[in-house]
C-alpha atoms as a PDB file:
ATOM      1  CA  UNK A   1      -0.201 -12.027 -15.606  1.00  0.00           C
ATOM      2  CA  UNK A   2       2.811 -11.413 -17.870  1.00  0.00           C
ATOM      3  CA  UNK A   3       0.665  -9.227 -20.119  1.00  0.00           C
ATOM      4  CA  UNK A   4      -0.467  -7.204 -17.101  1.00  0.00           C
ATOM      5  CA  UNK A   5       3.124  -6.558 -16.045  1.00  0.00           C
ATOM      6  CA  UNK A   6       3.995  -5.504 -19.597  1.00  0.00           C
ATOM      7  CA  UNK A   7       0.914  -3.252 -19.732  1.00  0.00           C
ATOM      8  CA  UNK A   8       1.758  -1.732 -16.349  1.00  0.00           C
ATOM      9  CA  UNK A   9       5.366  -1.077 -17.421  1.00  0.00           C
ATOM     10  CA  UNK A  10       4.170   0.466 -20.671  1.00  0.00           C
ATOM     11  CA  UNK A  11       1.819   2.662 -18.640  1.00  0.00           C
ATOM     12  CA  UNK A  12       4.682   3.842 -16.425  1.00  0.00           C
ATOM     13  CA  UNK A  13       6.852   4.595 -19.436  1.00  0.00           C
ATOM     14  CA  UNK A  14       4.020   6.533 -21.070  1.00  0.00           C
ATOM     15  CA  UNK A  15       3.506   8.562 -17.879  1.00  0.00           C
ATOM     16  CA  UNK A  16       7.187   9.467 -17.845  1.00  0.00           C
ATOM     17  CA  UNK A  17       6.980  10.348 -21.545  1.00  0.00           C
ATOM     18  CA  UNK A  18       3.944  12.579 -20.954  1.00  0.00           C
ATOM     19  CA  UNK A  19       5.673  14.248 -17.995  1.00  0.00           C
ATOM     20  CA  UNK A  20       8.572  15.023 -20.327  1.00  0.00           C
ATOM     21  CA  UNK A  21       6.169  16.435 -22.931  1.00  0.00           C
ATOM     22  CA  UNK A  22       4.557  18.679 -20.332  1.00  0.00           C
ATOM     23  CA  UNK A  23       7.982  19.911 -19.192  1.00  0.00           C
ATOM     24  CA  UNK A  24       8.983  20.629 -22.782  1.00  0.00           C
ATOM     25  CA  UNK A  25       5.717  22.464 -23.453  1.00  0.00           C
ATOM     26  CA  UNK A  26       5.998  24.582 -20.299  1.00  0.00           C
ATOM     27  CA  UNK A  27       9.577  25.520 -21.195  1.00  0.00           C
ATOM     28  CA  UNK A  28       8.521  26.355 -24.750  1.00  0.00           C
ATOM     29  CA  UNK A  29       5.720  28.604 -23.477  1.00  0.00           C
ATOM     30  CA  UNK A  30       7.983  30.234 -20.879  1.00  0.00           C
ATOM     31  CA  UNK A  31       5.872  29.061 -17.950  1.00  0.00           C
ATOM     32  CA  UNK A  32       8.813  28.859 -15.531  1.00  0.00           C
ATOM     33  CA  UNK A  33       6.752  29.187 -12.339  1.00  0.00           C
ATOM     34  CA  UNK A  34       4.309  26.561 -13.545  1.00  0.00           C
ATOM     35  CA  UNK A  35       7.213  24.274 -14.440  1.00  0.00           C
ATOM     36  CA  UNK A  36       8.653  24.743 -10.942  1.00  0.00           C
ATOM     37  CA  UNK A  37       5.271  23.893  -9.409  1.00  0.00           C
ATOM     38  CA  UNK A  38       4.944  20.864 -11.718  1.00  0.00           C
ATOM     39  CA  UNK A  39       8.408  19.606 -10.706  1.00  0.00           C
ATOM     40  CA  UNK A  40       7.498  20.102  -7.039  1.00  0.00           C
ATOM     41  CA  UNK A  41       4.301  18.121  -7.471  1.00  0.00           C
ATOM     42  CA  UNK A  42       6.195  15.314  -9.186  1.00  0.00           C
ATOM     43  CA  UNK A  43       8.739  15.224  -6.352  1.00  0.00           C
ATOM     44  CA  UNK A  44       5.868  14.677  -3.897  1.00  0.00           C
ATOM     45  CA  UNK A  45       4.154  12.087  -6.120  1.00  0.00           C
ATOM     46  CA  UNK A  46       2.433   9.652  -3.771  1.00  0.00           C
ATOM     47  CA  UNK A  47       1.369   7.476  -6.685  1.00  0.00           C
ATOM     48  CA  UNK A  48       4.999   6.664  -7.573  1.00  0.00           C
ATOM     49  CA  UNK A  49       4.218   7.072 -11.259  1.00  0.00           C
ATOM     50  CA  UNK A  50       1.646   4.260 -10.913  1.00  0.00           C
ATOM     51  CA  UNK A  51       4.480   1.759 -10.347  1.00  0.00           C
ATOM     52  CA  UNK A  52       2.845  -1.082  -8.411  1.00  0.00           C
ATOM     53  CA  UNK A  53       6.177  -2.471  -7.230  1.00  0.00           C
ATOM     54  CA  UNK A  54       7.224   0.856  -5.733  1.00  0.00           C
ATOM     55  CA  UNK A  55       3.835   1.411  -4.095  1.00  0.00           C
ATOM     56  CA  UNK A  56       3.818  -2.058  -2.552  1.00  0.00           C
ATOM     57  CA  UNK A  57       7.451  -1.662  -1.511  1.00  0.00           C
ATOM     58  CA  UNK A  58       6.552   1.582   0.232  1.00  0.00           C
ATOM     59  CA  UNK A  59       3.592  -0.036   2.029  1.00  0.00           C
ATOM     60  CA  UNK A  60       5.644  -3.025   3.161  1.00  0.00           C
ATOM     61  CA  UNK A  61       8.473  -0.717   4.246  1.00  0.00           C
ATOM     62  CA  UNK A  62       6.067   1.313   6.369  1.00  0.00           C
ATOM     63  CA  UNK A  63       4.712  -1.855   7.994  1.00  0.00           C
ATOM     64  CA  UNK A  64       8.091  -3.473   8.683  1.00  0.00           C
ATOM     65  CA  UNK A  65       9.517  -0.088   9.699  1.00  0.00           C
ATOM     66  CA  UNK A  66       6.732   0.215  12.298  1.00  0.00           C
ATOM     67  CA  UNK A  67       5.492   3.498  10.825  1.00  0.00           C
ATOM     68  CA  UNK A  68       1.881   2.909  11.850  1.00  0.00           C
ATOM     69  CA  UNK A  69       0.482   6.364  11.137  1.00  0.00           C
ATOM     70  CA  UNK A  70       2.133   6.605   7.730  1.00  0.00           C
ATOM     71  CA  UNK A  71       0.944   3.111   6.769  1.00  0.00           C
ATOM     72  CA  UNK A  72      -2.671   3.744   7.727  1.00  0.00           C
ATOM     73  CA  UNK A  73      -2.710   7.198   6.139  1.00  0.00           C
ATOM     74  CA  UNK A  74      -1.143   5.995   2.878  1.00  0.00           C
ATOM     75  CA  UNK A  75      -3.548   3.035   2.678  1.00  0.00           C
ATOM     76  CA  UNK A  76      -6.446   5.423   3.259  1.00  0.00           C
ATOM     77  CA  UNK A  77      -5.090   7.665   0.494  1.00  0.00           C
ATOM     78  CA  UNK A  78      -4.802   4.731  -1.939  1.00  0.00           C
ATOM     79  CA  UNK A  79      -8.294   3.567  -1.033  1.00  0.00           C
ATOM     80  CA  UNK A  80      -9.774   7.019  -1.567  1.00  0.00           C
ATOM     81  CA  UNK A  81      -7.832   7.707  -4.752  1.00  0.00           C
ATOM     82  CA  UNK A  82      -7.974   4.293  -6.435  1.00  0.00           C
ATOM     83  CA  UNK A  83      -9.463   1.325  -4.598  1.00  0.00           C
ATOM     84  CA  UNK A  84     -12.673   3.054  -3.555  1.00  0.00           C
ATOM     85  CA  UNK A  85     -13.601   3.577  -7.204  1.00  0.00           C
ATOM     86  CA  UNK A  86     -13.451  -0.115  -8.023  1.00  0.00           C
ATOM     87  CA  UNK A  87     -16.450  -2.326  -8.489  1.00  0.00           C
ATOM     88  CA  UNK A  88     -17.984  -3.350  -5.143  1.00  0.00           C
ATOM     89  CA  UNK A  89     -16.815  -6.917  -5.777  1.00  0.00           C
ATOM     90  CA  UNK A  90     -13.268  -5.719  -4.947  1.00  0.00           C
ATOM     91  CA  UNK A  91     -14.105  -4.010  -1.650  1.00  0.00           C
ATOM     92  CA  UNK A  92     -13.639  -7.231   0.320  1.00  0.00           C
ATOM     93  CA  UNK A  93     -10.219  -7.699  -1.295  1.00  0.00           C
ATOM     94  CA  UNK A  94      -9.206  -4.155  -0.327  1.00  0.00           C
ATOM     95  CA  UNK A  95     -10.213  -4.792   3.301  1.00  0.00           C
ATOM     96  CA  UNK A  96      -8.331  -8.117   3.276  1.00  0.00           C
ATOM     97  CA  UNK A  97      -5.110  -6.419   2.131  1.00  0.00           C
ATOM     98  CA  UNK A  98      -5.527  -3.726   4.778  1.00  0.00           C
ATOM     99  CA  UNK A  99      -5.891  -6.436   7.407  1.00  0.00           C
ATOM    100  CA  UNK A 100      -2.782  -8.215   6.149  1.00  0.00           C
ATOM    101  CA  UNK A 101      -0.720  -5.026   6.170  1.00  0.00           C
ATOM    102  CA  UNK A 102      -1.779  -4.316   9.753  1.00  0.00           C
ATOM    103  CA  UNK A 103      -0.871  -7.865  10.718  1.00  0.00           C
ATOM    104  CA  UNK A 104       2.518  -7.439   9.070  1.00  0.00           C
ATOM    105  CA  UNK A 105       3.003  -4.302  11.177  1.00  0.00           C
ATOM    106  CA  UNK A 106       2.090  -6.177  14.373  1.00  0.00           C
ATOM    107  CA  UNK A 107       4.270  -9.190  13.539  1.00  0.00           C
ATOM    108  CA  UNK A 108       7.156  -6.865  12.684  1.00  0.00           C
ATOM    109  CA  UNK A 109       6.747  -5.115  16.035  1.00  0.00           C
ATOM    110  CA  UNK A 110       6.944  -8.437  17.873  1.00  0.00           C
ATOM    111  CA  UNK A 111       9.969  -9.545  15.828  1.00  0.00           C
ATOM    112  CA  UNK A 112      11.746  -6.275  16.596  1.00  0.00           C
ATOM    113  CA  UNK A 113      10.793  -6.538  20.279  1.00  0.00           C
ATOM    114  CA  UNK A 114       8.745  -3.338  20.013  1.00  0.00           C
ATOM    115  CA  UNK A 115       5.609  -4.532  21.767  1.00  0.00           C
ATOM    116  CA  UNK A 116       4.758  -0.931  22.585  1.00  0.00           C
ATOM    117  CA  UNK A 117       3.781  -0.566  18.911  1.00  0.00           C
ATOM    118  CA  UNK A 118       1.318  -3.455  19.344  1.00  0.00           C
ATOM    119  CA  UNK A 119       0.004  -1.878  22.544  1.00  0.00           C
ATOM    120  CA  UNK A 120      -0.457   1.536  20.888  1.00  0.00           C
ATOM    121  CA  UNK A 121      -2.198   0.037  17.870  1.00  0.00           C
ATOM    122  CA  UNK A 122      -4.551  -2.012  20.019  1.00  0.00           C
ATOM    123  CA  UNK A 123      -5.255   0.970  22.272  1.00  0.00           C
ATOM    124  CA  UNK A 124      -6.329   2.949  19.220  1.00  0.00           C
ATOM    125  CA  UNK A 125      -8.075   0.206  17.219  1.00  0.00           C
ATOM    126  CA  UNK A 126      -8.610  -2.764  19.540  1.00  0.00           C
ATOM    127  CA  UNK A 127     -12.224  -1.969  20.394  1.00  0.00           C
ATOM    128  CA  UNK A 128     -13.223  -1.871  16.707  1.00  0.00           C
ATOM    129  CA  UNK A 129     -11.310  -5.095  16.049  1.00  0.00           C
ATOM    130  CA  UNK A 130     -13.015  -6.789  18.996  1.00  0.00           C
ATOM    131  CA  UNK A 131     -16.396  -5.769  17.572  1.00  0.00           C
ATOM    132  CA  UNK A 132     -15.459  -7.428  14.286  1.00  0.00           C
ATOM    133  CA  UNK A 133     -14.730 -10.603  16.231  1.00  0.00           C
ATOM    134  CA  UNK A 134     -13.625 -13.595  14.232  1.00  0.00           C
ATOM    135  CA  UNK A 135      -9.948 -14.021  13.613  1.00  0.00           C
ATOM    136  CA  UNK A 136      -9.025 -10.689  15.225  1.00  0.00           C
ATOM    137  CA  UNK A 137      -9.783 -11.918  18.748  1.00  0.00           C
ATOM    138  CA  UNK A 138      -6.447 -13.758  19.270  1.00  0.00           C
ATOM    139  CA  UNK A 139      -4.579 -10.714  17.912  1.00  0.00           C
ATOM    140  CA  UNK A 140      -5.916  -8.579  20.748  1.00  0.00           C
ATOM    141  CA  UNK A 141      -3.731 -10.631  23.119  1.00  0.00           C
ATOM    142  CA  UNK A 142      -0.624 -10.563  20.897  1.00  0.00           C
ATOM    143  CA  UNK A 143       1.201  -8.122  23.147  1.00  0.00           C
ATOM    144  CA  UNK A 144       0.994 -10.542  26.076  1.00  0.00           C
ATOM    145  CA  UNK A 145       1.895 -13.813  24.373  1.00  0.00           C
ATOM    146  CA  UNK A 146       5.438 -15.117  24.712  1.00  0.00           C
ATOM    147  CA  UNK A 147       6.740 -16.489  21.413  1.00  0.00           C
ATOM    148  CA  UNK A 148       3.546 -16.006  19.362  1.00  0.00           C
ATOM    149  CA  UNK A 149       5.383 -17.419  16.326  1.00  0.00           C
ATOM    150  CA  UNK A 150       5.064 -20.852  18.014  1.00  0.00           C
ATOM    151  CA  UNK A 151       1.264 -20.628  18.327  1.00  0.00           C
ATOM    152  CA  UNK A 152      -0.864 -22.064  15.518  1.00  0.00           C
ATOM    153  CA  UNK A 153      -2.987 -18.911  15.086  1.00  0.00           C
ATOM    154  CA  UNK A 154       0.107 -16.766  14.449  1.00  0.00           C
ATOM    155  CA  UNK A 155       2.676 -19.180  13.056  1.00  0.00           C
ATOM    156  CA  UNK A 156       1.989 -18.549   9.368  1.00  0.00           C
ATOM    157  CA  UNK A 157       2.344 -14.778   9.770  1.00  0.00           C
ATOM    158  CA  UNK A 158       5.908 -15.167  11.047  1.00  0.00           C
ATOM    159  CA  UNK A 159       7.000 -17.258   8.047  1.00  0.00           C
ATOM    160  CA  UNK A 160       9.053 -15.600   5.305  1.00  0.00           C
ATOM    161  CA  UNK A 161       6.769 -17.256   2.745  1.00  0.00           C
ATOM    162  CA  UNK A 162       3.794 -15.320   4.096  1.00  0.00           C
ATOM    163  CA  UNK A 163       5.508 -11.980   3.496  1.00  0.00           C
ATOM    164  CA  UNK A 164       6.579 -13.034  -0.013  1.00  0.00           C
ATOM    165  CA  UNK A 165       3.026 -14.165  -0.755  1.00  0.00           C
ATOM    166  CA  UNK A 166       1.598 -10.874   0.552  1.00  0.00           C
ATOM    167  CA  UNK A 167       4.022  -8.884  -1.585  1.00  0.00           C
ATOM    168  CA  UNK A 168       3.209 -10.863  -4.732  1.00  0.00           C
ATOM    169  CA  UNK A 169      -0.566 -10.788  -4.208  1.00  0.00           C
ATOM    170  CA  UNK A 170      -0.674  -7.086  -3.338  1.00  0.00           C
ATOM    171  CA  UNK A 171       1.530  -6.215  -6.317  1.00  0.00           C
ATOM    172  CA  UNK A 172      -0.752  -8.226  -8.622  1.00  0.00           C
ATOM    173  CA  UNK A 173      -3.796  -6.466  -7.204  1.00  0.00           C
ATOM    174  CA  UNK A 174      -2.337  -2.979  -7.619  1.00  0.00           C
ATOM    175  CA  UNK A 175      -1.195  -3.836 -11.141  1.00  0.00           C
ATOM    176  CA  UNK A 176      -4.772  -4.720 -12.064  1.00  0.00           C
ATOM    177  CA  UNK A 177      -6.177  -1.512 -10.548  1.00  0.00           C
ATOM    178  CA  UNK A 178      -4.158   1.011 -12.556  1.00  0.00           C
ATOM    179  CA  UNK A 179      -5.024  -0.252 -16.050  1.00  0.00           C
ATOM    180  CA  UNK A 180      -8.705  -0.209 -15.061  1.00  0.00           C
ATOM    181  CA  UNK A 181      -8.608   3.501 -14.166  1.00  0.00           C
ATOM    182  CA  UNK A 182     -10.049   6.180 -16.396  1.00  0.00           C
ATOM    183  CA  UNK A 183      -7.117   8.088 -17.837  1.00  0.00           C
ATOM    184  CA  UNK A 184      -6.857  11.644 -19.161  1.00  0.00           C
ATOM    185  CA  UNK A 185      -7.168  12.077 -22.937  1.00  0.00           C
ATOM    186  CA  UNK A 186      -3.510  13.059 -23.216  1.00  0.00           C
ATOM    187  CA  UNK A 187      -2.572   9.505 -22.243  1.00  0.00           C
ATOM    188  CA  UNK A 188      -4.678   8.020 -24.988  1.00  0.00           C
END
């Protein structure tokens, strides 16, 4: 894993270096409007320069900040842009992380006494979750359970260790995705 982190950091540094080269080239050629557009695009960079830690931090912040729409939209973006192009053997892993992020959102809502967030999420997605069955069934009642952190089916999700484990695992996963991507020739 240490090599992956080093490779990912080297990739981020090379992206920043290439961005600087592009800026320098555009200035040299006098492409001021293009440079302005380039800077604007960089300011809105949803890939965070392919920094796994920043991407995961953003996802976790959306979940714990109860920003449901942003979380689901950003996950969908990441899936379409990166995760969806992975080998099919990773599709189950992608779905598992999505499930865990949603559960973090729901647990965070309960912790912050914002059960309306749970209600809204279940109103929008509860039917599909019920059709999946399995371990989602108890979650459909989360809004109505007093002290769910004391129930065996939810207890682990309320532990600080679970969040730390999710952060580490998701960061590792994202760090493995970026080096596997096809990169433009300029980065080679």
